[in-house]
Amino acid sequence: MHTITLKSDDTFYNTLEEMVKTLHTTKSDLIRKAVVYYKDALEKERLKEQIKNASFKVREENLKISQEFDSTLNDGL
C-alpha cells in the first residue's frame, strides 16, 4: 500500500471524523471508498451523456425516415 498525505481545513477534518465514528471505519477506508464512489459516479455521468447523445442521433434519423415515409403517402400510388 502507498501512503498519501492530505491537508485539510477544520471543517473537512471534523466532517471526516464524524463520518468515521458514525460508520465505524477508518479515515483511510472512508477516503478510499469515497474516491471509488466518485469515480463510479463520474463514469455513470459519462455513460448517461453518451446515451443521451446517441438518443438524439437516433431521434434525428427517425424523424428523417418518418418524413420520407410521409412524403410517399401523398405520391398517389
N, C-alpha and C. Protein backbone atom coordinates (compact mmCIF):
# COMPACT_ATOMS: atom_id res chain seq x y z
N MET A 1 0.84 -1.18 0.00
CA MET A 1 0.00 0.00 0.00
C MET A 1 0.88 1.24 0.00
N HIS A 2 0.35 2.28 -0.60
CA HIS A 2 1.05 3.56 -0.63
C HIS A 2 0.46 4.49 0.43
N THR A 3 1.23 5.46 0.84
CA THR A 3 0.78 6.45 1.81
C THR A 3 0.53 7.76 1.09
N ILE A 4 -0.59 8.37 1.40
CA ILE A 4 -0.95 9.68 0.84
C ILE A 4 -1.16 10.64 2.00
N THR A 5 -0.57 11.80 1.90
CA THR A 5 -0.76 12.83 2.92
C THR A 5 -1.76 13.84 2.38
N LEU A 6 -2.70 14.21 3.21
CA LEU A 6 -3.76 15.12 2.79
C LEU A 6 -3.85 16.29 3.75
N LYS A 7 -3.83 17.48 3.22
CA LYS A 7 -4.03 18.67 4.05
C LYS A 7 -5.50 19.05 3.94
N SER A 8 -6.08 19.43 5.07
CA SER A 8 -7.50 19.80 5.06
C SER A 8 -7.76 20.91 6.05
N ASP A 9 -8.88 21.57 5.82
CA ASP A 9 -9.28 22.59 6.80
C ASP A 9 -10.04 21.90 7.93
N ASP A 10 -10.35 22.65 8.96
CA ASP A 10 -11.01 22.08 10.14
C ASP A 10 -12.38 21.49 9.80
N THR A 11 -13.12 22.16 8.93
CA THR A 11 -14.46 21.69 8.59
C THR A 11 -14.40 20.31 7.94
N PHE A 12 -13.51 20.14 6.97
CA PHE A 12 -13.36 18.84 6.31
C PHE A 12 -12.93 17.78 7.32
N TYR A 13 -11.95 18.11 8.13
CA TYR A 13 -11.44 17.15 9.11
C TYR A 13 -12.54 16.73 10.09
N ASN A 14 -13.29 17.71 10.58
CA ASN A 14 -14.37 17.40 11.53
C ASN A 14 -15.45 16.54 10.88
N THR A 15 -15.76 16.83 9.63
CA THR A 15 -16.74 16.02 8.90
C THR A 15 -16.24 14.60 8.75
N LEU A 16 -14.97 14.46 8.40
CA LEU A 16 -14.36 13.14 8.25
C LEU A 16 -14.39 12.38 9.58
N GLU A 17 -14.02 13.04 10.65
CA GLU A 17 -14.04 12.40 11.98
C GLU A 17 -15.45 11.95 12.35
N GLU A 18 -16.42 12.79 12.09
CA GLU A 18 -17.81 12.47 12.42
C GLU A 18 -18.28 11.25 11.61
N MET A 19 -17.95 11.22 10.33
CA MET A 19 -18.35 10.10 9.48
C MET A 19 -17.66 8.81 9.91
N VAL A 20 -16.40 8.89 10.26
CA VAL A 20 -15.65 7.71 10.70
C VAL A 20 -16.30 7.11 11.94
N LYS A 21 -16.68 7.95 12.88
CA LYS A 21 -17.33 7.45 14.10
C LYS A 21 -18.68 6.84 13.79
N THR A 22 -19.46 7.52 12.95
CA THR A 22 -20.80 7.04 12.61
C THR A 22 -20.75 5.72 11.85
N LEU A 23 -19.80 5.59 10.92
CA LEU A 23 -19.72 4.41 10.07
C LEU A 23 -18.83 3.31 10.64
N HIS A 24 -18.19 3.59 11.78
CA HIS A 24 -17.31 2.61 12.43
C HIS A 24 -16.25 2.09 11.45
N THR A 25 -15.51 3.01 10.87
CA THR A 25 -14.47 2.66 9.91
C THR A 25 -13.25 3.54 10.16
N THR A 26 -12.27 3.43 9.32
CA THR A 26 -11.08 4.28 9.45
C THR A 26 -11.15 5.42 8.44
N LYS A 27 -10.36 6.44 8.68
CA LYS A 27 -10.29 7.56 7.73
C LYS A 27 -9.81 7.07 6.38
N SER A 28 -8.80 6.22 6.39
CA SER A 28 -8.26 5.70 5.13
C SER A 28 -9.32 4.95 4.34
N ASP A 29 -10.04 4.07 5.03
CA ASP A 29 -11.07 3.28 4.35
C ASP A 29 -12.18 4.18 3.81
N LEU A 30 -12.61 5.15 4.60
CA LEU A 30 -13.66 6.07 4.17
C LEU A 30 -13.22 6.86 2.93
N ILE A 31 -12.00 7.35 2.94
CA ILE A 31 -11.49 8.13 1.80
C ILE A 31 -11.35 7.23 0.57
N ARG A 32 -10.86 6.00 0.75
CA ARG A 32 -10.76 5.06 -0.38
C ARG A 32 -12.13 4.81 -0.99
N LYS A 33 -13.12 4.54 -0.15
CA LYS A 33 -14.47 4.29 -0.64
C LYS A 33 -15.06 5.53 -1.32
N ALA A 34 -14.78 6.70 -0.78
CA ALA A 34 -15.29 7.94 -1.37
C ALA A 34 -14.71 8.16 -2.77
N VAL A 35 -13.43 7.86 -2.94
CA VAL A 35 -12.79 8.03 -4.25
C VAL A 35 -13.40 7.04 -5.25
N VAL A 36 -13.59 5.80 -4.84
CA VAL A 36 -14.20 4.80 -5.73
C VAL A 36 -15.62 5.22 -6.09
N TYR A 37 -16.38 5.68 -5.10
CA TYR A 37 -17.75 6.13 -5.33
C TYR A 37 -17.77 7.30 -6.32
N TYR A 38 -16.87 8.25 -6.15
CA TYR A 38 -16.80 9.41 -7.04
C TYR A 38 -16.42 8.98 -8.45
N LYS A 39 -15.47 8.08 -8.57
CA LYS A 39 -15.07 7.56 -9.88
C LYS A 39 -16.26 6.89 -10.57
N ASP A 40 -17.00 6.07 -9.84
CA ASP A 40 -18.18 5.41 -10.39
C ASP A 40 -19.25 6.42 -10.81
N ALA A 41 -19.44 7.45 -10.00
CA ALA A 41 -20.42 8.48 -10.32
C ALA A 41 -20.03 9.22 -11.60
N LEU A 42 -18.75 9.52 -11.76
CA LEU A 42 -18.29 10.18 -12.98
C LEU A 42 -18.50 9.30 -14.20
N GLU A 43 -18.24 8.01 -14.05
CA GLU A 43 -18.43 7.07 -15.15
C GLU A 43 -19.91 6.98 -15.53
N LYS A 44 -20.79 6.96 -14.54
CA LYS A 44 -22.23 6.92 -14.81
C LYS A 44 -22.67 8.17 -15.56
N GLU A 45 -22.16 9.31 -15.16
CA GLU A 45 -22.50 10.56 -15.85
C GLU A 45 -21.99 10.54 -17.29
N ARG A 46 -20.79 10.01 -17.50
CA ARG A 46 -20.23 9.92 -18.84
C ARG A 46 -21.09 9.01 -19.71
N LEU A 47 -21.49 7.87 -19.18
CA LEU A 47 -22.34 6.95 -19.93
C LEU A 47 -23.71 7.55 -20.19
N LYS A 48 -24.23 8.25 -19.22
CA LYS A 48 -25.53 8.91 -19.38
C LYS A 48 -25.48 9.93 -20.52
N GLU A 49 -24.39 10.68 -20.59
CA GLU A 49 -24.21 11.66 -21.65
C GLU A 49 -24.09 10.96 -23.01
N GLN A 50 -23.36 9.84 -23.06
CA GLN A 50 -23.25 9.09 -24.31
C GLN A 50 -24.61 8.57 -24.77
N ILE A 51 -25.39 8.05 -23.84
CA ILE A 51 -26.73 7.55 -24.17
C ILE A 51 -27.61 8.68 -24.66
N LYS A 52 -27.53 9.82 -24.00
CA LYS A 52 -28.33 10.97 -24.41
C LYS A 52 -27.97 11.40 -25.83
N ASN A 53 -26.68 11.48 -26.12
CA ASN A 53 -26.24 11.87 -27.46
C ASN A 53 -26.67 10.86 -28.51
N ALA A 54 -26.56 9.59 -28.19
CA ALA A 54 -26.99 8.54 -29.12
C ALA A 54 -28.49 8.62 -29.34
N SER A 55 -29.22 8.91 -28.30
CA SER A 55 -30.68 9.04 -28.39
C SER A 55 -31.07 10.18 -29.31
N PHE A 56 -30.38 11.32 -29.19
CA PHE A 56 -30.67 12.46 -30.07
C PHE A 56 -30.36 12.10 -31.52
N LYS A 57 -29.28 11.38 -31.74
CA LYS A 57 -28.91 10.99 -33.10
C LYS A 57 -29.98 10.07 -33.69
N VAL A 58 -30.41 9.08 -32.91
CA VAL A 58 -31.45 8.16 -33.37
C VAL A 58 -32.75 8.92 -33.61
N ARG A 59 -33.06 9.86 -32.74
CA ARG A 59 -34.28 10.65 -32.89
C ARG A 59 -34.26 11.42 -34.20
N GLU A 60 -33.12 12.02 -34.53
CA GLU A 60 -32.99 12.77 -35.78
C GLU A 60 -33.16 11.85 -36.98
N GLU A 61 -32.54 10.69 -36.92
CA GLU A 61 -32.66 9.72 -38.03
C GLU A 61 -34.10 9.24 -38.17
N ASN A 62 -34.76 8.97 -37.07
CA ASN A 62 -36.16 8.53 -37.11
C ASN A 62 -37.06 9.61 -37.70
N LEU A 63 -36.79 10.85 -37.38
CA LEU A 63 -37.58 11.96 -37.93
C LEU A 63 -37.41 12.03 -39.44
N LYS A 64 -36.18 11.88 -39.93
CA LYS A 64 -35.93 11.89 -41.38
C LYS A 64 -36.68 10.75 -42.06
N ILE A 65 -36.59 9.56 -41.48
CA ILE A 65 -37.27 8.40 -42.06
C ILE A 65 -38.77 8.62 -42.06
N SER A 66 -39.29 9.14 -40.97
CA SER A 66 -40.72 9.40 -40.88
C SER A 66 -41.17 10.42 -41.92
N GLN A 67 -40.37 11.46 -42.11
CA GLN A 67 -40.71 12.47 -43.12
C GLN A 67 -40.66 11.87 -44.52
N GLU A 68 -39.67 11.03 -44.79
CA GLU A 68 -39.60 10.37 -46.10
C GLU A 68 -40.81 9.46 -46.32
N PHE A 69 -41.19 8.74 -45.28
CA PHE A 69 -42.35 7.85 -45.38
C PHE A 69 -43.62 8.67 -45.61
N ASP A 70 -43.79 9.76 -44.88
CA ASP A 70 -44.96 10.60 -45.05
C ASP A 70 -45.06 11.15 -46.46
N SER A 71 -43.93 11.47 -47.06
CA SER A 71 -43.95 12.02 -48.42
C SER A 71 -44.40 10.96 -49.42
N THR A 72 -44.17 9.67 -49.12
CA THR A 72 -44.62 8.61 -50.04
C THR A 72 -46.12 8.38 -49.91
N LEU A 73 -46.70 8.75 -48.82
CA LEU A 73 -48.15 8.55 -48.65
C LEU A 73 -48.94 9.48 -49.57
N ASN A 74 -48.37 10.58 -49.94
CA ASN A 74 -49.07 11.56 -50.76
C ASN A 74 -48.64 11.51 -52.22
N ASP A 75 -47.95 10.46 -52.65
CA ASP A 75 -47.46 10.43 -54.04
C ASP A 75 -48.47 9.82 -55.02
N GLY A 76 -49.63 9.43 -54.50
CA GLY A 76 -50.70 8.96 -55.38
C GLY A 76 -50.64 7.50 -55.75
N LEU A 77 -49.76 6.75 -55.20
CA LEU A 77 -49.68 5.32 -55.53
C LEU A 77 -50.59 4.50 -54.68
